[in-house]
Each structure stands twice: as structure tokens, then as C-alpha cells.
Amino acid sequence: MIGRDERILQFVYTLRSKGVTDERVLMAMEKTDRAIFIRGTFTERAYDDMPLPIECGQTISQPSVVGIMTQALKVGPRDTVLEVGTGSGYQAAVLSHLARRVYTIDRHRRLTEAAEARFRALDMANITVFTGDGSFGLPGQAPFDRIMVTAAAEDPPGPLLAQLREGGIMVVPVGQSDAVQTLIKVTRTPDGLDYEELLPVRFVPLVEGRGDH
């Protein structure tokens, strides 16, 4: 039987082998126990590099993808981050180790309430959770230094781009939900928006409106 420490070491080794090399990101992911964010029989697969199902027909992302997205975001210790798509809360928890403040929003109240309970249990006081339509962001808290979208949009959403501070970075999967999606890094420069394609991914679609649970 492999002990938890060995599994964590293997977990970090896998992240490195998949291109996650930023030491701050690796440390944040080592500190964030993915098993806490998974329920039921799938907890046994918590340290495997694979997406896993959670409530409301959503998923907890593959750790290497979480790492690559977080690395691309280049979060600084003074940054305020918006995450669209709270899900299990795992990504927000990783970001909380890197940023000054994390705002996270999801359309499913069942998910936001469960995530909020996990953050309280972990004493992560720098995360604020909202239930609502994430495609419109959080205008009342804007502008943001960094924005991460964990659901696929057909194009980078205009309302979110408008909430990105100059010099800010947004990471978002773009593409049809039933086709190939591409992870895009958008940087707001003094001259406009700069787009960079990172890698092919597969995310649940970004859906407008509130969830029914």
C-alpha cells in the first residue's frame, strides 16, 4: 500500500513531467489535497492525473491541466483573481496559495455551498464565493489582475475581458463543447488584447444563467 507522502511525491513528479515547472505553482498544488475536493469512490483516484466527475454534471479538472492553467496565469502575491466555474473548489484553493484574494463564481448553488464549506474547513479566508452567472463576471469587484475560466466558451467572453486590468492575464478554454477546444491566454496590453494558444483541452461548456440546483 503506497502511503500518502509517496503519492504526493508521485503527484508532483507527474506534474513536472507534464510541463508544470513553476515552483510556486508546484508548492501550491502540493499543499492542496485534491482528495478533499472529491466525494465517494473517486477519492481513491484523487492523485491520478485525470478529470473526475463531481455533482451537477460537472468535473474536477485533470491536475496537470490545473497546473498548466495556473502557471500560464502568472499569479503574483498581490494579485486579485476571478475564477469563473467554482466546481469542487479545487482550482480556487490552489490559487488561494498564490494570490492576495480569489473571487470564485458558479451557477450551481449546490457546488458553491459545498466549496465554501471546504474553504472554511481549510481556513482559506482569502476566497470569496458567489452563486450566479459567471459569464458576466463580477463587475462590482472588478477590475481583476487575473481571470481564470474553467469552462469552455465559443469566444473569450466580452464582459470578462472588460473586467481585466491593463497588464492583466486571462486563461480560458475556447471552442465548441463537442469539438476540439484550445486553451487561450489573453493579455491586456496598452495597445489592446494579445492572444496566445497554449494547448488542446476538453472542458464542460460555459453556460449562461443560474443553475437549477
Protein backbone atom coordinates (compact mmCIF):
# COMPACT_ATOMS: atom_id res chain seq x y z
CA MET A 1 0.00 0.00 0.00
CA ILE A 2 1.51 3.32 -1.06
CA GLY A 3 1.45 5.97 1.67
CA ARG A 4 0.05 9.46 1.17
CA ASP A 5 3.51 11.10 1.19
CA GLU A 6 4.70 8.81 -1.60
CA ARG A 7 1.53 9.51 -3.59
CA ILE A 8 2.09 13.26 -3.20
CA LEU A 9 5.70 12.90 -4.39
CA GLN A 10 4.49 10.90 -7.41
CA PHE A 11 1.75 13.52 -7.99
CA VAL A 12 4.33 16.34 -8.11
CA TYR A 13 6.66 14.28 -10.32
CA THR A 14 3.78 13.73 -12.78
CA LEU A 15 3.01 17.47 -12.81
CA ARG A 16 6.65 18.25 -13.64
CA SER A 17 6.71 15.63 -16.40
CA LYS A 18 3.61 17.25 -17.97
CA GLY A 19 5.25 20.71 -18.11
CA VAL A 20 4.34 22.27 -14.75
CA THR A 21 7.72 23.68 -13.72
CA ASP A 22 6.86 26.86 -11.79
CA GLU A 23 7.99 26.14 -8.21
CA ARG A 24 5.30 28.37 -6.62
CA VAL A 25 2.59 26.54 -8.57
CA LEU A 26 4.01 23.12 -7.66
CA MET A 27 4.16 24.12 -3.98
CA ALA A 28 0.55 25.41 -4.07
CA MET A 29 -0.62 22.13 -5.61
CA GLU A 30 1.38 20.07 -3.13
CA LYS A 31 -0.31 21.99 -0.28
CA THR A 32 -3.82 21.48 -1.75
CA ASP A 33 -5.02 17.94 -1.07
CA ARG A 34 -7.17 17.06 -4.10
CA ALA A 35 -8.83 14.22 -2.14
CA ILE A 36 -10.68 16.80 0.00
CA PHE A 37 -12.46 18.08 -3.13
CA ILE A 38 -13.72 14.68 -4.32
CA ARG A 39 -16.52 12.58 -2.84
CA GLY A 40 -17.35 8.90 -2.83
CA THR A 41 -15.45 6.13 -4.58
CA PHE A 42 -13.47 8.55 -6.76
CA THR A 43 -11.40 9.74 -3.76
CA GLU A 44 -9.14 6.74 -4.44
CA ARG A 45 -8.22 8.35 -7.77
CA ALA A 46 -7.51 11.79 -6.26
CA TYR A 47 -3.79 11.71 -7.08
CA ASP A 48 -4.21 10.32 -10.60
CA ASP A 49 -3.73 12.76 -13.47
CA MET A 50 -7.28 12.52 -14.77
CA PRO A 51 -10.51 14.54 -14.60
CA LEU A 52 -13.15 13.10 -12.27
CA PRO A 53 -16.93 13.60 -12.08
CA ILE A 54 -18.46 15.78 -9.34
CA GLU A 55 -22.03 16.88 -8.62
CA CYS A 56 -24.30 18.75 -11.06
CA GLY A 57 -22.81 17.01 -14.11
CA GLN A 58 -19.50 18.87 -13.72
CA THR A 59 -15.91 17.65 -13.37
CA ILE A 60 -12.82 18.33 -11.31
CA SER A 61 -10.09 19.04 -13.85
CA GLN A 62 -7.04 16.91 -14.54
CA PRO A 63 -4.26 18.10 -12.15
CA SER A 64 -1.73 18.69 -14.93
CA VAL A 65 -4.25 20.95 -16.71
CA VAL A 66 -4.89 22.82 -13.44
CA GLY A 67 -1.13 23.25 -13.11
CA ILE A 68 -0.60 24.46 -16.69
CA MET A 69 -3.52 26.90 -16.46
CA THR A 70 -2.29 28.23 -13.12
CA GLN A 71 1.26 28.54 -14.43
CA ALA A 72 0.06 30.45 -17.52
CA LEU A 73 -1.86 32.87 -15.29
CA LYS A 74 1.40 34.01 -13.60
CA VAL A 75 -0.34 34.91 -10.34
CA GLY A 76 1.57 37.28 -8.06
CA PRO A 77 1.17 37.55 -4.26
CA ARG A 78 -0.55 40.95 -4.58
CA ASP A 79 -2.98 39.89 -7.32
CA THR A 80 -6.77 39.72 -7.15
CA VAL A 81 -8.06 36.77 -9.17
CA LEU A 82 -11.50 35.96 -10.56
CA GLU A 83 -12.28 32.31 -11.22
CA VAL A 84 -15.36 31.52 -13.32
CA GLY A 85 -16.59 28.00 -12.58
CA THR A 86 -16.00 27.10 -8.93
CA GLY A 87 -16.87 23.42 -9.36
CA SER A 88 -15.40 21.47 -6.45
CA GLY A 89 -13.33 24.46 -5.32
CA TYR A 90 -10.00 22.75 -6.07
CA GLN A 91 -8.71 25.32 -8.56
CA ALA A 92 -9.68 28.25 -6.29
CA ALA A 93 -7.90 26.57 -3.38
CA VAL A 94 -4.70 26.27 -5.46
CA LEU A 95 -4.99 29.93 -6.47
CA SER A 96 -5.52 30.99 -2.85
CA HIS A 97 -1.93 29.97 -2.04
CA LEU A 98 -0.63 32.28 -4.79
CA ALA A 99 -2.88 35.36 -4.81
CA ARG A 100 -3.88 38.08 -2.35
CA ARG A 101 -7.59 37.45 -2.96
CA VAL A 102 -9.63 34.99 -5.01
CA TYR A 103 -13.23 35.58 -6.08
CA THR A 104 -14.93 32.49 -7.50
CA ILE A 105 -18.40 32.16 -9.05
CA ASP A 106 -20.51 29.21 -10.17
CA ARG A 107 -24.09 28.89 -11.43
CA HIS A 108 -24.84 25.86 -9.20
CA ARG A 109 -25.65 26.73 -5.58
CA ARG A 110 -25.06 23.14 -4.53
CA LEU A 111 -21.45 23.40 -5.73
CA THR A 112 -20.76 26.85 -4.26
CA GLU A 113 -22.12 25.85 -0.84
CA ALA A 114 -20.00 22.67 -0.77
CA ALA A 115 -16.90 24.57 -1.93
CA GLU A 116 -17.46 27.29 0.67
CA ALA A 117 -17.66 24.65 3.42
CA ARG A 118 -14.36 23.16 2.23
CA PHE A 119 -12.66 26.58 2.22
CA ARG A 120 -13.88 27.24 5.77
CA ALA A 121 -12.60 23.84 6.94
CA LEU A 122 -9.21 24.60 5.35
CA ASP A 123 -9.17 28.12 6.85
CA MET A 124 -8.81 29.72 3.40
CA ALA A 125 -10.02 33.18 4.36
CA ASN A 126 -8.89 34.90 1.13
CA ILE A 127 -11.52 33.16 -1.07
CA THR A 128 -14.96 34.72 -1.61
CA VAL A 129 -17.63 32.54 -3.25
CA PHE A 130 -20.59 33.76 -5.32
CA THR A 131 -23.51 31.90 -6.88
CA GLY A 132 -24.50 33.38 -10.22
CA ASP A 133 -23.92 33.64 -13.96
CA GLY A 134 -20.15 33.61 -14.28
CA SER A 135 -20.22 34.61 -17.96
CA PHE A 136 -20.85 38.18 -16.76
CA GLY A 137 -18.07 38.07 -14.18
CA LEU A 138 -18.28 40.21 -11.05
CA PRO A 139 -18.46 43.87 -12.16
CA GLY A 140 -18.74 45.05 -8.56
CA GLN A 141 -15.31 43.58 -7.70
CA ALA A 142 -13.57 44.48 -11.00
CA PRO A 143 -11.02 45.14 -12.35
CA PHE A 144 -9.09 41.93 -11.81
CA ASP A 145 -5.37 41.28 -12.20
CA ARG A 146 -6.04 37.72 -13.34
CA ILE A 147 -9.11 35.84 -14.60
CA MET A 148 -9.36 32.08 -14.98
CA VAL A 149 -12.31 30.46 -16.76
CA THR A 150 -12.74 26.73 -16.11
CA ALA A 151 -15.48 26.12 -18.70
CA ALA A 152 -15.26 26.42 -22.48
CA ALA A 153 -16.66 29.46 -24.28
CA GLU A 154 -17.05 29.85 -28.06
CA ASP A 155 -15.03 33.06 -27.75
CA PRO A 156 -13.37 34.77 -24.76
CA PRO A 157 -16.42 36.41 -23.09
CA GLY A 158 -16.57 40.18 -23.66
CA PRO A 159 -17.85 41.04 -20.14
CA LEU A 160 -14.89 39.17 -18.63
CA LEU A 161 -12.35 40.83 -20.93
CA ALA A 162 -13.80 44.20 -19.90
CA GLN A 163 -13.07 43.35 -16.24
CA LEU A 164 -9.39 42.60 -16.89
CA ARG A 165 -6.96 45.24 -15.69
CA GLU A 166 -4.29 46.59 -18.07
CA GLY A 167 -1.34 44.21 -17.81
CA GLY A 168 -3.79 41.53 -16.63
CA ILE A 169 -3.99 37.95 -17.91
CA MET A 170 -7.00 35.73 -18.59
CA VAL A 171 -6.76 31.99 -19.26
CA VAL A 172 -9.83 30.47 -20.94
CA PRO A 173 -10.67 27.31 -22.93
CA VAL A 174 -12.22 28.32 -26.26
CA GLY A 175 -14.16 26.15 -28.70
CA GLN A 176 -17.38 24.23 -29.25
CA SER A 177 -18.17 21.81 -26.42
CA ASP A 178 -18.35 18.83 -28.82
CA ALA A 179 -15.21 19.70 -30.77
CA VAL A 180 -11.56 20.41 -30.06
CA GLN A 181 -11.05 23.22 -27.58
CA THR A 182 -7.92 25.31 -27.20
CA LEU A 183 -6.61 26.86 -24.03
CA ILE A 184 -6.06 30.57 -24.74
CA LYS A 185 -4.01 33.08 -22.76
CA VAL A 186 -5.23 36.67 -23.22
CA THR A 187 -3.08 39.58 -22.02
CA ARG A 188 -4.44 43.13 -21.88
CA THR A 189 -1.72 45.46 -23.15
CA PRO A 190 -1.78 49.27 -23.55
CA ASP A 191 -2.48 48.63 -27.26
CA GLY A 192 -5.27 46.07 -26.83
CA LEU A 193 -5.54 42.32 -26.35
CA ASP A 194 -2.79 39.81 -27.09
CA TYR A 195 -3.86 36.18 -27.68
CA GLU A 196 -1.66 33.09 -27.27
CA GLU A 197 -2.73 29.49 -27.88
CA LEU A 198 -1.41 27.10 -25.20
CA LEU A 199 -2.70 23.54 -25.76
CA PRO A 200 -5.75 21.47 -26.74
CA VAL A 201 -8.11 20.76 -23.82
CA ARG A 202 -11.60 19.42 -23.09
CA PHE A 203 -13.85 21.29 -20.64
CA VAL A 204 -17.56 21.40 -19.90
CA PRO A 205 -19.24 24.31 -21.73
CA LEU A 206 -19.67 27.77 -20.19
CA VAL A 207 -23.44 28.08 -19.76
CA GLU A 208 -25.23 31.37 -19.21
CA GLY A 209 -27.81 31.75 -16.44
CA ARG A 210 -28.15 30.26 -12.98
CA GLY A 211 -28.24 26.51 -12.40
CA ASP A 212 -31.37 24.90 -11.06
CA HIS A 213 -29.57 23.43 -8.03
